[in-house]
Structures are given as structure tokens and as C-alpha cells.
Amino acid sequence: MKKTGMLFLAFVAGMLGGFILFEFIVRIVLRQMNMLPVTLIGALSMILPLAGGIFAVMLARRFTKKAGQD
């Protein structure tokens, strides 16, 4: 249960990080281009938070395995 909770928190934090990255990209692009295709915004809003969550879980699992080996 302890490991599951840690992985869940890593997933939530990764999703939050992915959403922040999405907002950062959209704001910079909107300043530069003054318009952005709606389909690109929709795709990024789904893909980046999910990718951030998956990446955070992968990192958490990797570091917990390495900590167990020491």
C-alpha cells in the first residue's frame, strides 16, 4: 500500500507538471503567433499531463528499485 500511494502521488504530481508545461507552451506560442490551432491545443492538453504522469511514475519506480538495491 505504501508503494501504491507513492506511485499515485508521483502520477498526480507528474500530471500537474505536464499541465504547467502545457500552459507555458500555449502562453509563449500565443504571444509569438497571436493564434494557435484549436486541435493542437486540445491534443496538447490531453497528451502533456498524461505523459508527465507516466514519466513521473517511471522515474519513481526506477529510483525506488535503485534505493532497494543499495
N, C-alpha and C. Protein backbone atom coordinates (compact mmCIF):
# COMPACT_ATOMS: atom_id res chain seq x y z
N MET A 1 0.83 -1.19 0.00
CA MET A 1 0.00 0.00 0.00
C MET A 1 0.87 1.26 0.00
N LYS A 2 1.98 1.18 0.71
CA LYS A 2 2.86 2.34 0.78
C LYS A 2 3.42 2.69 -0.59
N LYS A 3 3.83 1.67 -1.36
CA LYS A 3 4.39 1.91 -2.68
C LYS A 3 3.30 2.40 -3.64
N THR A 4 2.10 1.86 -3.51
CA THR A 4 0.99 2.30 -4.37
C THR A 4 0.67 3.76 -4.13
N GLY A 5 0.64 4.18 -2.88
CA GLY A 5 0.38 5.58 -2.56
C GLY A 5 1.45 6.50 -3.11
N MET A 6 2.69 6.05 -3.03
CA MET A 6 3.79 6.86 -3.55
C MET A 6 3.70 7.00 -5.06
N LEU A 7 3.36 5.90 -5.74
CA LEU A 7 3.23 5.96 -7.19
C LEU A 7 2.04 6.82 -7.61
N PHE A 8 0.95 6.76 -6.83
CA PHE A 8 -0.20 7.59 -7.13
C PHE A 8 0.14 9.08 -6.97
N LEU A 9 0.85 9.42 -5.90
CA LEU A 9 1.26 10.80 -5.72
C LEU A 9 2.23 11.25 -6.80
N ALA A 10 3.11 10.36 -7.24
CA ALA A 10 4.02 10.69 -8.34
C ALA A 10 3.23 10.94 -9.62
N PHE A 11 2.19 10.14 -9.86
CA PHE A 11 1.36 10.32 -11.05
C PHE A 11 0.63 11.67 -11.01
N VAL A 12 0.07 12.00 -9.86
CA VAL A 12 -0.65 13.28 -9.73
C VAL A 12 0.31 14.46 -9.90
N ALA A 13 1.49 14.36 -9.29
CA ALA A 13 2.47 15.44 -9.43
C ALA A 13 2.96 15.55 -10.87
N GLY A 14 3.14 14.44 -11.54
CA GLY A 14 3.55 14.45 -12.94
C GLY A 14 2.49 15.06 -13.84
N MET A 15 1.22 14.77 -13.55
CA MET A 15 0.14 15.37 -14.33
C MET A 15 0.10 16.87 -14.11
N LEU A 16 0.30 17.29 -12.89
CA LEU A 16 0.33 18.72 -12.60
C LEU A 16 1.50 19.38 -13.34
N GLY A 17 2.66 18.75 -13.32
CA GLY A 17 3.81 19.28 -14.05
C GLY A 17 3.58 19.33 -15.54
N GLY A 18 2.93 18.30 -16.09
CA GLY A 18 2.60 18.29 -17.51
C GLY A 18 1.62 19.39 -17.88
N PHE A 19 0.65 19.65 -16.99
CA PHE A 19 -0.31 20.72 -17.25
C PHE A 19 0.37 22.09 -17.21
N ILE A 20 1.28 22.26 -16.27
CA ILE A 20 2.01 23.53 -16.18
C ILE A 20 2.86 23.73 -17.43
N LEU A 21 3.49 22.66 -17.90
CA LEU A 21 4.27 22.73 -19.13
C LEU A 21 3.37 23.08 -20.32
N PHE A 22 2.18 22.50 -20.36
CA PHE A 22 1.21 22.81 -21.42
C PHE A 22 0.84 24.29 -21.40
N GLU A 23 0.54 24.81 -20.22
CA GLU A 23 0.17 26.23 -20.10
C GLU A 23 1.33 27.13 -20.54
N PHE A 24 2.53 26.76 -20.15
CA PHE A 24 3.71 27.54 -20.52
C PHE A 24 3.89 27.58 -22.04
N ILE A 25 3.76 26.42 -22.68
CA ILE A 25 3.91 26.35 -24.14
C ILE A 25 2.83 27.18 -24.82
N VAL A 26 1.60 27.03 -24.39
CA VAL A 26 0.49 27.75 -25.03
C VAL A 26 0.65 29.26 -24.87
N ARG A 27 1.04 29.71 -23.70
CA ARG A 27 1.21 31.15 -23.49
C ARG A 27 2.33 31.73 -24.35
N ILE A 28 3.45 31.02 -24.45
CA ILE A 28 4.56 31.52 -25.27
C ILE A 28 4.18 31.53 -26.75
N VAL A 29 3.54 30.47 -27.21
CA VAL A 29 3.16 30.40 -28.63
C VAL A 29 2.11 31.45 -28.96
N LEU A 30 1.17 31.67 -28.06
CA LEU A 30 0.14 32.68 -28.33
C LEU A 30 0.75 34.08 -28.38
N ARG A 31 1.77 34.34 -27.59
CA ARG A 31 2.44 35.64 -27.67
C ARG A 31 3.16 35.81 -28.99
N GLN A 32 3.78 34.75 -29.47
CA GLN A 32 4.56 34.83 -30.69
C GLN A 32 3.70 34.83 -31.96
N MET A 33 2.72 33.94 -32.00
CA MET A 33 1.95 33.74 -33.22
C MET A 33 0.62 34.48 -33.22
N ASN A 34 0.11 34.82 -32.05
CA ASN A 34 -1.16 35.50 -31.88
C ASN A 34 -2.35 34.60 -32.24
N MET A 35 -2.10 33.38 -32.59
CA MET A 35 -3.17 32.40 -32.79
C MET A 35 -2.56 31.01 -32.76
N LEU A 36 -3.38 30.05 -32.38
CA LEU A 36 -2.93 28.66 -32.27
C LEU A 36 -4.10 27.77 -32.68
N PRO A 37 -3.86 26.77 -33.49
CA PRO A 37 -4.97 25.89 -33.90
C PRO A 37 -5.62 25.20 -32.69
N VAL A 38 -6.93 25.14 -32.72
CA VAL A 38 -7.67 24.57 -31.60
C VAL A 38 -7.36 23.08 -31.44
N THR A 39 -7.15 22.40 -32.53
CA THR A 39 -6.84 20.97 -32.44
C THR A 39 -5.50 20.73 -31.75
N LEU A 40 -4.54 21.62 -31.99
CA LEU A 40 -3.25 21.49 -31.32
C LEU A 40 -3.38 21.73 -29.83
N ILE A 41 -4.16 22.72 -29.45
CA ILE A 41 -4.39 22.99 -28.03
C ILE A 41 -5.07 21.79 -27.37
N GLY A 42 -6.06 21.23 -28.04
CA GLY A 42 -6.76 20.06 -27.50
C GLY A 42 -5.85 18.86 -27.35
N ALA A 43 -5.03 18.61 -28.36
CA ALA A 43 -4.12 17.47 -28.30
C ALA A 43 -3.08 17.65 -27.20
N LEU A 44 -2.50 18.84 -27.11
CA LEU A 44 -1.51 19.10 -26.06
C LEU A 44 -2.12 19.01 -24.67
N SER A 45 -3.35 19.47 -24.52
CA SER A 45 -3.98 19.46 -23.20
C SER A 45 -4.25 18.05 -22.71
N MET A 46 -4.38 17.09 -23.64
CA MET A 46 -4.57 15.70 -23.22
C MET A 46 -3.25 14.97 -23.09
N ILE A 47 -2.34 15.22 -24.02
CA ILE A 47 -1.11 14.42 -24.08
C ILE A 47 -0.10 14.82 -23.01
N LEU A 48 0.14 16.11 -22.83
CA LEU A 48 1.21 16.53 -21.91
C LEU A 48 0.96 16.13 -20.44
N PRO A 49 -0.23 16.36 -19.88
CA PRO A 49 -0.42 15.90 -18.49
C PRO A 49 -0.31 14.39 -18.34
N LEU A 50 -0.85 13.64 -19.29
CA LEU A 50 -0.75 12.18 -19.20
C LEU A 50 0.69 11.72 -19.34
N ALA A 51 1.42 12.30 -20.27
CA ALA A 51 2.83 11.95 -20.43
C ALA A 51 3.64 12.32 -19.19
N GLY A 52 3.33 13.46 -18.60
CA GLY A 52 4.02 13.86 -17.37
C GLY A 52 3.77 12.89 -16.24
N GLY A 53 2.52 12.44 -16.11
CA GLY A 53 2.19 11.46 -15.07
C GLY A 53 2.89 10.14 -15.27
N ILE A 54 2.89 9.65 -16.50
CA ILE A 54 3.55 8.38 -16.79
C ILE A 54 5.06 8.49 -16.57
N PHE A 55 5.65 9.59 -17.00
CA PHE A 55 7.08 9.79 -16.82
C PHE A 55 7.44 9.86 -15.33
N ALA A 56 6.62 10.52 -14.54
CA ALA A 56 6.90 10.62 -13.11
C ALA A 56 6.81 9.26 -12.43
N VAL A 57 5.84 8.45 -12.82
CA VAL A 57 5.72 7.10 -12.25
C VAL A 57 6.92 6.25 -12.65
N MET A 58 7.36 6.37 -13.89
CA MET A 58 8.53 5.61 -14.33
C MET A 58 9.77 6.00 -13.53
N LEU A 59 9.94 7.31 -13.31
CA LEU A 59 11.08 7.75 -12.51
C LEU A 59 10.98 7.28 -11.07
N ALA A 60 9.78 7.34 -10.49
CA ALA A 60 9.61 6.91 -9.10
C ALA A 60 9.91 5.42 -8.96
N ARG A 61 9.44 4.62 -9.89
CA ARG A 61 9.72 3.18 -9.83
C ARG A 61 11.20 2.90 -9.99
N ARG A 62 11.84 3.65 -10.87
CA ARG A 62 13.27 3.43 -11.11
C ARG A 62 14.09 3.77 -9.87
N PHE A 63 13.77 4.90 -9.23
CA PHE A 63 14.54 5.31 -8.07
C PHE A 63 14.24 4.46 -6.84
N THR A 64 13.02 3.92 -6.72
CA THR A 64 12.75 3.05 -5.58
C THR A 64 13.45 1.70 -5.74
N LYS A 65 13.58 1.23 -6.99
CA LYS A 65 14.32 -0.02 -7.23
C LYS A 65 15.79 0.17 -6.92
N LYS A 66 16.35 1.32 -7.32
CA LYS A 66 17.77 1.57 -7.05
C LYS A 66 18.02 1.74 -5.55
N ALA A 67 17.08 2.35 -4.85
CA ALA A 67 17.25 2.52 -3.41
C ALA A 67 17.19 1.20 -2.69
N GLY A 68 16.40 0.27 -3.20
CA GLY A 68 16.31 -1.05 -2.59
C GLY A 68 17.55 -1.89 -2.82
N GLN A 69 18.30 -1.63 -3.86
CA GLN A 69 19.49 -2.40 -4.15
C GLN A 69 20.68 -2.01 -3.29
N ASP A 70 20.69 -0.76 -2.83
CA ASP A 70 21.84 -0.29 -2.04
C ASP A 70 21.90 -0.89 -0.66
